[in-house]
Protein backbone atom coordinates (compact mmCIF):
# COMPACT_ATOMS: atom_id res chain seq x y z
CA UNK A 1 5.26 8.77 10.28
CA UNK A 2 3.90 7.81 6.87
CA UNK A 3 0.28 8.76 6.34
CA UNK A 4 -1.28 5.75 4.59
CA UNK A 5 -4.94 4.93 4.25
CA UNK A 6 -6.27 1.55 5.36
CA UNK A 7 -6.51 0.61 1.67
CA UNK A 8 -2.86 1.47 1.07
CA UNK A 9 -1.80 -0.53 4.13
CA UNK A 10 -3.86 -3.44 2.81
CA UNK A 11 -2.11 -3.19 -0.58
CA UNK A 12 1.32 -3.27 1.10
CA UNK A 13 0.31 -6.20 3.31
CA UNK A 14 -1.16 -8.14 0.37
CA UNK A 15 2.01 -7.76 -1.70
CA UNK A 16 4.17 -8.71 1.29
CA UNK A 17 2.01 -11.75 2.09
CA UNK A 18 2.05 -12.89 -1.54
CA UNK A 19 5.82 -12.81 -1.97
CA UNK A 20 7.55 -12.77 1.42
CA UNK A 21 5.16 -13.46 4.30
CA UNK A 22 8.06 -13.83 6.76
CA UNK A 23 9.16 -10.21 6.51
CA UNK A 24 8.41 -6.97 8.24
CA UNK A 25 7.75 -3.77 6.39
CA UNK A 26 9.52 -0.87 8.01
CA UNK A 27 9.74 2.79 7.13
CA UNK A 28 13.17 4.35 6.76
CA UNK A 29 13.89 7.80 5.45
CA UNK A 30 11.24 9.00 3.04
CA UNK A 31 10.51 5.62 1.45
CA UNK A 32 9.05 2.31 2.57
CA UNK A 33 11.41 -0.65 2.48
CA UNK A 34 10.65 -4.32 2.83
CA UNK A 35 13.78 -5.43 4.59
CA UNK A 36 14.00 -7.55 7.66
CA UNK A 37 13.32 -11.27 7.23
CA UNK A 38 12.14 -13.01 10.38
CA UNK A 39 13.64 -16.22 9.07
CA UNK A 40 16.71 -16.71 6.92
CA UNK A 41 15.85 -17.72 3.38
CA UNK A 42 18.45 -19.89 1.70
CA UNK A 43 18.75 -19.61 -2.04
CA UNK A 44 20.71 -18.53 -5.03
CA UNK A 45 21.66 -14.89 -5.43
CA UNK A 46 19.85 -14.73 -8.78
CA UNK A 47 16.68 -16.12 -7.18
CA UNK A 48 16.76 -13.35 -4.55
CA UNK A 49 17.25 -10.72 -7.24
CA UNK A 50 14.31 -12.11 -9.19
CA UNK A 51 12.13 -12.04 -6.07
CA UNK A 52 13.12 -8.45 -5.28
CA UNK A 53 12.30 -7.44 -8.86
CA UNK A 54 8.90 -9.17 -8.66
CA UNK A 55 8.04 -7.38 -5.40
CA UNK A 56 9.10 -4.02 -6.85
CA UNK A 57 7.00 -4.66 -9.96
CA UNK A 58 3.97 -5.57 -7.82
CA UNK A 59 4.24 -2.25 -5.97
CA UNK A 60 4.69 -0.35 -9.25
CA UNK A 61 1.57 -1.97 -10.70
CA UNK A 62 -0.47 -1.37 -7.53
CA UNK A 63 -2.31 1.76 -6.51
CA UNK A 64 0.44 2.63 -4.03
CA UNK A 65 0.85 6.44 -3.92
CA UNK A 66 4.65 6.58 -4.03
CA UNK A 67 7.75 4.66 -5.07
CA UNK A 68 8.81 1.75 -2.88
CA UNK A 69 12.43 0.66 -2.59
CA UNK A 70 12.95 -3.02 -1.85
CA UNK A 71 16.08 -4.00 0.07
CA UNK A 72 17.51 -7.45 0.77
CA UNK A 73 18.36 -7.15 4.47
CA UNK A 74 21.01 -9.86 4.16
CA UNK A 75 22.64 -7.99 1.27
CA UNK A 76 23.36 -4.67 2.99
CA UNK A 77 26.31 -3.72 5.14
CA UNK A 78 26.21 -3.80 8.93
CA UNK A 79 26.54 0.00 8.93
CA UNK A 80 23.45 0.36 6.74
CA UNK A 81 21.54 -2.12 8.92
CA UNK A 82 22.40 -0.08 12.00
CA UNK A 83 21.31 3.16 10.30
CA UNK A 84 17.98 1.58 9.36
CA UNK A 85 17.46 0.03 12.80
CA UNK A 86 18.06 3.32 14.60
CA UNK A 87 16.05 5.52 12.21
CA UNK A 88 13.00 3.46 11.30
CA UNK A 89 9.68 2.23 12.59
CA UNK A 90 7.67 -0.88 11.87
CA UNK A 91 4.75 -0.39 9.49
CA UNK A 92 3.64 -4.00 9.15
CA UNK A 93 4.84 -6.75 11.51
């Protein structure tokens, strides 16, 4: 379990809601990952990369107490998805 204050949870939720409101934030390993879209977003690969970079930058510029890795759920292998699904918990629905 990640020990986050209410303020830190609010920061994570605000960033998520600003950029990708249709995603869950789940915890996997020792980092927080924004990964699992509830809806499929269609778009160019470069647009997704730009969005991921913007989310990462928002976390870096925030008061978040540790590094956050951002993962495009649709861009990882089925094996990695399974590993995340079996070894994670939902932080923000």
